[in-house]
């Protein structure tokens, strides 16, 4: 329901922007798309963690349509190059970005209690009286579950996403620095871009 409603609303705004696209120019169009479309794609998207790609595909279609609008591409044109130039992460990466950002806020003490309580640092877990080796990497404990649905819960999905991040991303104690490193890392992973040229 959330995905369907979001998709419907985003396409409505894209259709309206398409009517005045020639009058706006690329920069203004990009800003308006960010305000009216991307903000809706990102709202509450942490709840979509773990869903199969076929379920979140409509949101990716919105993102693709937005890139085509900004660059004036035809419906059948590929959009990867445009998305890379716009520095837009694909929907799956945007979900991971939100999850990891919430974990980062927990690490630096700026997250609400109801989020903090769902995460347990490995450093607080001992095995036979010995601190686990992974505690030195600022990992979070991934709760064990046998249910596929349970793997989508925040405590599981967020911990997995965080633990998979490179250490240089996780150790950033400044939120702006963390977001830049995180986006760069996800950008390189999902678009298979070299780290040095990802944002040049």
Protein backbone atom coordinates (compact mmCIF):
# COMPACT_ATOMS: atom_id res chain seq x y z
CA UNK A 1 0.00 0.00 0.00
CA UNK A 2 2.79 2.43 0.94
CA UNK A 3 4.76 1.67 -2.24
CA UNK A 4 1.69 1.94 -4.45
CA UNK A 5 0.61 5.26 -2.92
CA UNK A 6 4.13 6.70 -3.07
CA UNK A 7 4.55 5.65 -6.69
CA UNK A 8 1.21 7.15 -7.65
CA UNK A 9 2.00 10.48 -5.96
CA UNK A 10 5.50 10.69 -7.45
CA UNK A 11 4.32 10.05 -10.99
CA UNK A 12 1.64 12.72 -10.52
CA UNK A 13 4.33 15.29 -9.70
CA UNK A 14 6.55 14.11 -12.55
CA UNK A 15 3.71 14.58 -15.02
CA UNK A 16 3.14 18.11 -13.77
CA UNK A 17 6.85 18.95 -14.00
CA UNK A 18 7.06 17.51 -17.50
CA UNK A 19 4.54 20.11 -18.67
CA UNK A 20 6.89 22.97 -17.75
CA UNK A 21 10.25 21.19 -18.15
CA UNK A 22 11.34 23.31 -21.16
CA UNK A 23 10.82 26.50 -19.17
CA UNK A 24 12.75 25.40 -16.10
CA UNK A 25 16.16 24.20 -17.23
CA UNK A 26 18.08 21.25 -15.85
CA UNK A 27 19.22 22.73 -12.52
CA UNK A 28 15.78 23.98 -11.49
CA UNK A 29 14.16 20.73 -12.63
CA UNK A 30 16.66 18.74 -10.56
CA UNK A 31 15.87 20.78 -7.45
CA UNK A 32 12.13 20.41 -7.93
CA UNK A 33 12.42 16.68 -8.52
CA UNK A 34 14.44 16.38 -5.33
CA UNK A 35 11.80 18.28 -3.39
CA UNK A 36 8.65 16.68 -4.80
CA UNK A 37 9.82 13.18 -5.76
CA UNK A 38 13.05 12.04 -4.10
CA UNK A 39 11.90 13.24 -0.69
CA UNK A 40 8.86 10.98 -0.99
CA UNK A 41 10.95 8.01 -2.11
CA UNK A 42 13.12 8.41 0.98
CA UNK A 43 10.33 8.99 3.48
CA UNK A 44 10.03 5.96 5.75
CA UNK A 45 12.04 3.83 3.35
CA UNK A 46 13.85 2.04 6.19
CA UNK A 47 10.63 0.04 6.57
CA UNK A 48 11.22 -1.42 3.10
CA UNK A 49 14.46 -3.16 4.09
CA UNK A 50 14.67 -6.78 3.05
CA UNK A 51 11.85 -6.65 0.54
CA UNK A 52 12.47 -8.46 -2.78
CA UNK A 53 13.47 -6.26 -5.68
CA UNK A 54 10.23 -7.03 -7.49
CA UNK A 55 8.35 -5.31 -4.65
CA UNK A 56 10.41 -2.12 -4.62
CA UNK A 57 10.79 -2.05 -8.43
CA UNK A 58 7.96 0.50 -8.83
CA UNK A 59 9.98 2.96 -6.73
CA UNK A 60 13.01 2.39 -8.94
CA UNK A 61 10.79 3.08 -11.95
CA UNK A 62 9.94 6.43 -10.39
CA UNK A 63 13.63 7.22 -9.92
CA UNK A 64 14.36 6.24 -13.52
CA UNK A 65 11.52 8.40 -14.79
CA UNK A 66 12.81 11.32 -12.74
CA UNK A 67 16.29 10.97 -14.27
CA UNK A 68 14.76 10.85 -17.76
CA UNK A 69 12.80 14.01 -17.01
CA UNK A 70 15.86 15.92 -15.82
CA UNK A 71 17.93 14.93 -18.86
CA UNK A 72 15.13 14.93 -21.41
CA UNK A 73 15.61 11.27 -22.25
CA UNK A 74 13.15 9.08 -24.12
CA UNK A 75 11.17 6.37 -22.28
CA UNK A 76 13.37 3.57 -23.65
CA UNK A 77 16.70 5.31 -23.02
CA UNK A 78 18.98 3.87 -20.35
CA UNK A 79 19.27 6.03 -17.25
CA UNK A 80 22.34 4.69 -15.45
CA UNK A 81 24.65 7.35 -16.86
CA UNK A 82 22.17 10.09 -15.96
CA UNK A 83 21.72 8.76 -12.41
CA UNK A 84 25.49 8.60 -11.97
CA UNK A 85 25.91 12.18 -13.17
CA UNK A 86 23.13 13.29 -10.82
CA UNK A 87 24.74 11.34 -7.96
CA UNK A 88 21.42 9.60 -7.27
CA UNK A 89 21.63 6.28 -5.47
CA UNK A 90 19.27 3.53 -6.65
CA UNK A 91 16.32 2.75 -4.39
CA UNK A 92 17.90 -0.31 -2.79
CA UNK A 93 20.97 1.73 -1.87
CA UNK A 94 18.81 4.57 -0.54
CA UNK A 95 17.19 2.09 1.84
CA UNK A 96 20.60 0.95 3.08
CA UNK A 97 21.67 4.58 3.41
CA UNK A 98 18.74 5.29 5.74
CA UNK A 99 19.36 2.17 7.82
CA UNK A 100 23.05 2.95 8.27
CA UNK A 101 22.38 6.60 9.05
CA UNK A 102 20.04 5.58 11.86
CA UNK A 103 22.70 3.25 13.24
CA UNK A 104 25.28 6.03 13.04
CA UNK A 105 22.98 8.32 15.02
CA UNK A 106 22.73 5.55 17.59
CA UNK A 107 26.52 5.24 17.79
CA UNK A 108 27.02 8.98 18.42
CA UNK A 109 24.11 9.15 20.85
CA UNK A 110 21.68 11.20 18.76
CA UNK A 111 19.06 8.52 18.06
CA UNK A 112 15.76 8.13 19.92
CA UNK A 113 15.65 5.51 22.66
CA UNK A 114 13.17 3.35 20.76
CA UNK A 115 15.81 2.92 18.02
CA UNK A 116 18.79 2.56 20.34
CA UNK A 117 17.05 -0.22 22.26
CA UNK A 118 16.79 -2.30 19.08
CA UNK A 119 20.56 -2.45 18.56
CA UNK A 120 23.16 -4.22 20.66
CA UNK A 121 26.88 -3.54 20.11
CA UNK A 122 29.03 -6.63 19.88
CA UNK A 123 31.32 -4.95 22.43
CA UNK A 124 28.62 -5.54 25.05
CA UNK A 125 28.45 -9.26 24.27
CA UNK A 126 30.96 -11.72 25.72
CA UNK A 127 31.63 -15.34 24.89
CA UNK A 128 32.85 -17.42 27.83
CA UNK A 129 34.00 -14.28 29.58
CA UNK A 130 35.97 -13.01 26.59
CA UNK A 131 35.08 -9.99 24.48
CA UNK A 132 34.32 -11.09 20.93
CA UNK A 133 36.94 -10.27 18.30
CA UNK A 134 34.40 -8.47 16.10
CA UNK A 135 33.82 -5.95 18.91
CA UNK A 136 36.95 -4.09 17.80
CA UNK A 137 35.27 -3.35 14.45
CA UNK A 138 32.26 -1.58 16.03
CA UNK A 139 29.94 -4.32 14.82
CA UNK A 140 26.39 -4.76 16.06
CA UNK A 141 24.92 -8.06 17.13
CA UNK A 142 22.67 -9.58 14.46
CA UNK A 143 19.77 -11.34 16.22
CA UNK A 144 19.25 -14.93 15.12
CA UNK A 145 15.95 -15.71 13.47
CA UNK A 146 14.47 -18.57 11.52
CA UNK A 147 11.72 -16.53 9.94
CA UNK A 148 12.22 -14.70 6.65
CA UNK A 149 9.86 -11.97 7.79
CA UNK A 150 11.90 -11.40 10.95
CA UNK A 151 14.99 -10.64 8.85
CA UNK A 152 13.25 -7.43 7.77
CA UNK A 153 13.01 -6.07 11.31
CA UNK A 154 15.13 -3.03 12.04
CA UNK A 155 17.35 -4.77 14.58
CA UNK A 156 18.37 -7.40 12.03
CA UNK A 157 18.40 -5.41 8.77
CA UNK A 158 20.17 -2.36 10.23
CA UNK A 159 22.82 -4.43 12.00
CA UNK A 160 23.59 -6.37 8.81
CA UNK A 161 23.84 -3.23 6.70
CA UNK A 162 26.09 -1.54 9.26
CA UNK A 163 28.38 -4.54 9.71
CA UNK A 164 28.90 -4.73 5.94
CA UNK A 165 30.17 -1.14 5.73
CA UNK A 166 33.90 -0.48 5.36
CA UNK A 167 35.54 0.46 8.64
CA UNK A 168 36.55 3.94 7.43
CA UNK A 169 32.86 4.74 6.96
CA UNK A 170 31.77 3.47 10.36
CA UNK A 171 34.41 5.31 12.37
CA UNK A 172 33.31 8.76 11.17
CA UNK A 173 32.02 10.60 14.25
CA UNK A 174 30.76 13.64 12.33
CA UNK A 175 27.38 13.05 10.69
CA UNK A 176 28.11 15.09 7.56
CA UNK A 177 31.38 13.23 7.06
CA UNK A 178 29.64 9.92 7.68
CA UNK A 179 26.91 10.65 5.13
CA UNK A 180 29.47 11.64 2.50
CA UNK A 181 31.56 8.51 3.07
CA UNK A 182 28.48 6.32 3.20
CA UNK A 183 27.03 7.68 -0.03
CA UNK A 184 30.39 7.34 -1.76
CA UNK A 185 30.74 3.75 -0.60
CA UNK A 186 27.23 2.78 -1.69
CA UNK A 187 27.65 4.66 -4.96
CA UNK A 188 30.81 2.75 -5.80
CA UNK A 189 29.21 -0.57 -4.83
CA UNK A 190 25.92 -0.25 -6.70
CA UNK A 191 27.30 1.50 -9.79
CA UNK A 192 30.63 -0.35 -9.81
CA UNK A 193 32.48 2.95 -9.87
CA UNK A 194 36.13 3.45 -8.82
CA UNK A 195 36.32 5.12 -5.43
CA UNK A 196 38.55 7.99 -6.64
CA UNK A 197 36.24 8.96 -9.50
CA UNK A 198 32.83 8.36 -7.94
CA UNK A 199 32.11 12.00 -7.22
CA UNK A 200 34.37 13.81 -9.66
